[in-house]
Amino acid sequence: MELKDLIEGFRETATASVADAVDKVTGRKGYLDGAIKPRINDKKIVGPAVTVLEGPTDEFVPPQHALDAIDDSAPGSVIVISIASDANVAVWGGLMTAGAVANKHEGAVLDGAVRDITEIRRDYDFPVFARATSPGTTLGRHKTLAANEPVPVGDVIVHPGDIVVGDIDGVVVVPIGKAEEVLEMAREIDVREAEQAKLIMQAGSLREGLAKYGRI
């Protein structure tokens, strides 16, 4: 299945079903910590991960790897920034958002904080999922160390090209090598849950739905 078909398929599939399917197909969790949540809007994002790693420093240097990733990555990318320690500094703000919108990226997922929220909402309405909000800069505190390498986001390792699915339920990372299998299973889960919900409503019984379909 081509990447565009996978992306469209995940866009039409419940994020919770994708999380369940990743559990079953890969044998490990793919959903990120609940603290990483939408900070700008409720838009759903689906796209391939472009990864950036940050770490502590006392140098006053720009986040060069992130800036390059924004300009150099294909349209539709999800910029994923991993930060090794303090999450309470902003690894994303208004200018980076302007660059992401100009390059037609899908969204940003941050294992750190975002700032300039009013500006981002007002001028761009660009989806950003972040662990926190903070007015504090990374300058003199953190710098980018690498891009397009596997990075940790909490207890999930994100590889470049993994499909990132995010909405108001949270964020799930789908390993690209298992994406087709995960999508097929997630679609099946969606169908079964719709059938189960219909039975529960018709029967007036949650237990009856559970007995037939075994999902909760």
Protein backbone atom coordinates (compact mmCIF):
# COMPACT_ATOMS: atom_id res chain seq x y z
CA MET A 1 0.00 0.00 0.00
CA GLU A 2 1.35 3.43 -0.91
CA LEU A 3 2.08 5.98 1.80
CA LYS A 4 -0.73 8.30 0.69
CA ASP A 5 -3.23 5.44 0.97
CA LEU A 6 -1.97 4.54 4.45
CA ILE A 7 -2.26 8.15 5.56
CA GLU A 8 -5.79 8.48 4.23
CA GLY A 9 -6.75 5.19 5.85
CA PHE A 10 -5.45 6.22 9.27
CA ARG A 11 -7.16 9.60 8.91
CA GLU A 12 -10.50 7.81 8.62
CA THR A 13 -9.83 5.37 11.49
CA ALA A 14 -10.35 5.98 15.21
CA THR A 15 -7.12 6.80 16.99
CA ALA A 16 -8.08 4.50 19.86
CA SER A 17 -8.48 1.63 17.39
CA VAL A 18 -5.03 2.42 15.98
CA ALA A 19 -3.56 2.27 19.49
CA ASP A 20 -5.21 -1.11 20.12
CA ALA A 21 -4.02 -2.43 16.77
CA VAL A 22 -0.41 -1.37 17.44
CA ASP A 23 -0.59 -3.23 20.77
CA LYS A 24 -1.75 -6.41 19.04
CA VAL A 25 0.39 -6.29 15.91
CA THR A 26 3.70 -5.22 17.46
CA GLY A 27 3.36 -6.52 21.01
CA ARG A 28 4.25 -3.12 22.47
CA LYS A 29 2.54 0.19 23.03
CA GLY A 30 2.61 2.91 20.43
CA TYR A 31 0.64 5.62 22.20
CA LEU A 32 2.50 8.51 23.80
CA ASP A 33 2.13 9.83 27.36
CA GLY A 34 -1.20 11.50 27.97
CA ALA A 35 0.57 14.74 28.90
CA ILE A 36 1.44 15.13 25.20
CA LYS A 37 -1.85 16.58 24.02
CA PRO A 38 -3.29 19.18 21.63
CA ARG A 39 -2.35 22.71 22.65
CA ILE A 40 -3.67 24.71 19.68
CA ASN A 41 -6.77 23.04 18.22
CA ASP A 42 -8.59 19.71 17.91
CA LYS A 43 -7.45 18.87 14.38
CA LYS A 44 -6.46 15.30 13.63
CA ILE A 45 -2.96 14.80 12.24
CA VAL A 46 -1.63 11.87 10.23
CA GLY A 47 1.78 11.86 8.59
CA PRO A 48 5.30 10.43 8.52
CA ALA A 49 7.59 11.38 11.38
CA VAL A 50 10.58 13.65 10.90
CA THR A 51 12.56 13.34 14.12
CA VAL A 52 14.76 15.83 15.99
CA LEU A 53 16.74 15.19 19.18
CA GLU A 54 17.54 17.96 21.69
CA GLY A 55 19.81 17.91 24.71
CA PRO A 56 21.06 20.27 27.42
CA THR A 57 23.68 22.94 26.77
CA ASP A 58 24.78 26.34 28.06
CA GLU A 59 25.45 27.56 24.53
CA PHE A 60 23.24 30.23 22.96
CA VAL A 61 22.68 28.48 19.64
CA PRO A 62 19.58 28.15 17.44
CA PRO A 63 17.83 24.76 17.10
CA GLN A 64 19.53 24.19 13.76
CA HIS A 65 18.48 20.57 13.16
CA ALA A 66 14.84 21.48 13.75
CA LEU A 67 15.03 24.54 11.50
CA ASP A 68 16.62 22.49 8.72
CA ALA A 69 14.05 19.71 9.16
CA ILE A 70 11.21 22.18 8.78
CA ASP A 71 12.62 23.57 5.53
CA ASP A 72 13.94 20.33 4.05
CA SER A 73 11.22 17.76 4.85
CA ALA A 74 8.47 16.73 2.47
CA PRO A 75 5.04 18.37 2.75
CA GLY A 76 2.73 16.46 5.06
CA SER A 77 5.48 15.59 7.55
CA VAL A 78 4.96 15.55 11.32
CA ILE A 79 7.90 17.16 13.10
CA VAL A 80 8.65 15.15 16.27
CA ILE A 81 11.03 16.76 18.77
CA SER A 82 12.53 14.72 21.60
CA ILE A 83 14.10 16.52 24.54
CA ALA A 84 16.40 14.65 26.89
CA SER A 85 15.54 16.40 30.15
CA ASP A 86 13.62 19.55 31.12
CA ALA A 87 10.27 19.61 29.33
CA ASN A 88 9.46 23.09 30.63
CA VAL A 89 11.23 25.02 27.90
CA ALA A 90 9.61 25.78 24.56
CA VAL A 91 11.06 23.74 21.72
CA TRP A 92 8.47 25.20 19.33
CA GLY A 93 6.96 28.63 18.80
CA GLY A 94 5.45 31.06 16.34
CA LEU A 95 8.36 31.36 13.89
CA MET A 96 8.82 27.60 13.63
CA THR A 97 5.08 27.32 13.04
CA ALA A 98 5.30 29.86 10.23
CA GLY A 99 8.03 27.74 8.63
CA ALA A 100 5.99 24.56 9.05
CA VAL A 101 2.90 26.11 7.50
CA ALA A 102 4.94 27.57 4.63
CA ASN A 103 6.28 24.07 3.94
CA LYS A 104 2.81 22.49 4.24
CA HIS A 105 3.62 20.20 7.15
CA GLU A 106 0.93 18.24 8.97
CA GLY A 107 1.72 19.08 12.59
CA ALA A 108 4.25 18.97 15.39
CA VAL A 109 4.61 16.55 18.33
CA LEU A 110 6.83 17.76 21.15
CA ASP A 111 8.31 15.94 24.13
CA GLY A 112 8.67 19.44 25.54
CA ALA A 113 6.80 22.73 25.61
CA VAL A 114 5.28 25.09 23.06
CA ARG A 115 4.96 28.87 23.31
CA ASP A 116 3.36 31.68 21.27
CA ILE A 117 0.06 29.84 21.52
CA THR A 118 -2.14 32.89 20.89
CA GLU A 119 -0.14 33.71 17.77
CA ILE A 120 -0.25 30.14 16.48
CA ARG A 121 -4.02 29.91 17.03
CA ARG A 122 -4.75 33.30 15.52
CA ASP A 123 -2.44 33.28 12.52
CA TYR A 124 -1.95 29.62 11.58
CA ASP A 125 -4.36 27.25 13.40
CA PHE A 126 -1.54 24.70 13.13
CA PRO A 127 -1.85 21.52 15.23
CA VAL A 128 0.80 21.17 17.92
CA PHE A 129 0.83 18.34 20.46
CA ALA A 130 3.11 19.14 23.39
CA ARG A 131 3.96 17.90 26.86
CA ALA A 132 3.64 21.40 28.32
CA THR A 133 3.41 25.11 27.61
CA SER A 134 6.15 27.53 28.61
CA PRO A 135 7.30 31.03 27.67
CA GLY A 136 10.92 29.97 28.25
CA THR A 137 13.43 29.71 25.41
CA THR A 138 15.83 26.85 24.73
CA LEU A 139 18.66 29.34 24.10
CA GLY A 140 21.36 28.74 26.71
CA ARG A 141 19.52 25.65 27.94
CA HIS A 142 19.11 23.15 25.09
CA LYS A 143 20.31 22.63 21.55
CA THR A 144 19.45 20.22 18.77
CA LEU A 145 21.80 17.26 18.53
CA ALA A 146 20.54 15.22 15.57
CA ALA A 147 17.75 14.80 13.06
CA ASN A 148 16.16 11.85 11.28
CA GLU A 149 17.40 9.32 13.82
CA PRO A 150 15.34 7.17 16.21
CA VAL A 151 14.38 9.28 19.23
CA PRO A 152 12.66 8.55 22.55
CA VAL A 153 9.39 10.28 23.35
CA GLY A 154 8.66 9.06 26.84
CA ASP A 155 8.80 5.27 26.62
CA VAL A 156 8.11 5.09 22.87
CA ILE A 157 10.89 5.15 20.28
CA VAL A 158 9.93 7.11 17.16
CA HIS A 159 11.74 6.24 13.94
CA PRO A 160 11.90 8.54 10.93
CA GLY A 161 9.04 7.63 8.61
CA ASP A 162 6.84 6.06 11.29
CA ILE A 163 3.25 7.19 10.84
CA VAL A 164 2.10 9.57 13.57
CA VAL A 165 -1.64 9.66 14.29
CA GLY A 166 -2.91 12.29 16.71
CA ASP A 167 -6.20 13.84 17.79
CA ILE A 168 -7.96 14.83 21.01
CA ASP A 169 -7.56 11.24 22.27
CA GLY A 170 -3.76 11.56 22.10
CA VAL A 171 -0.91 10.49 19.82
CA VAL A 172 -0.07 7.03 18.46
CA VAL A 173 3.12 6.12 16.60
CA VAL A 174 2.71 3.34 14.03
CA PRO A 175 5.94 1.60 12.97
CA ILE A 176 6.14 2.07 9.22
CA GLY A 177 7.07 -1.57 8.63
CA LYS A 178 3.83 -2.68 10.31
CA ALA A 179 1.60 0.14 9.12
CA GLU A 180 -0.47 -1.81 6.61
CA GLU A 181 -1.15 -4.61 9.09
CA VAL A 182 -2.00 -2.11 11.82
CA LEU A 183 -4.40 -0.23 9.55
CA GLU A 184 -6.20 -3.42 8.54
CA MET A 185 -6.68 -4.46 12.17
CA ALA A 186 -7.71 -0.95 13.26
CA ARG A 187 -10.37 -0.87 10.58
CA GLU A 188 -11.68 -4.24 11.78
CA ILE A 189 -11.82 -2.90 15.35
CA ASP A 190 -13.80 0.13 14.17
CA VAL A 191 -16.34 -2.12 12.44
CA ARG A 192 -16.74 -4.44 15.42
CA GLU A 193 -17.13 -1.54 17.85
CA ALA A 194 -19.82 0.06 15.66
CA GLU A 195 -21.69 -3.26 15.57
CA GLN A 196 -21.28 -3.71 19.32
CA ALA A 197 -22.54 -0.19 20.08
CA LYS A 198 -25.59 -0.81 17.87
CA LEU A 199 -26.35 -4.07 19.70
CA ILE A 200 -26.00 -2.39 23.10
CA MET A 201 -28.46 0.32 22.09
CA GLN A 202 -30.92 -2.16 20.62
CA ALA A 203 -30.72 -4.58 23.53
CA GLY A 204 -30.51 -1.92 26.23
CA SER A 205 -27.67 -3.94 27.74
CA LEU A 206 -23.95 -3.32 27.93
CA ARG A 207 -23.42 -6.87 29.19
CA GLU A 208 -25.07 -8.33 26.10
CA GLY A 209 -22.74 -6.36 23.85
CA LEU A 210 -19.73 -7.46 25.85
CA ALA A 211 -20.82 -11.09 25.76
CA LYS A 212 -21.07 -11.12 21.98
CA TYR A 213 -18.08 -8.94 21.00
CA GLY A 214 -15.78 -9.05 24.06
CA ARG A 215 -14.61 -5.43 23.75
CA ILE A 216 -14.71 -2.58 26.24
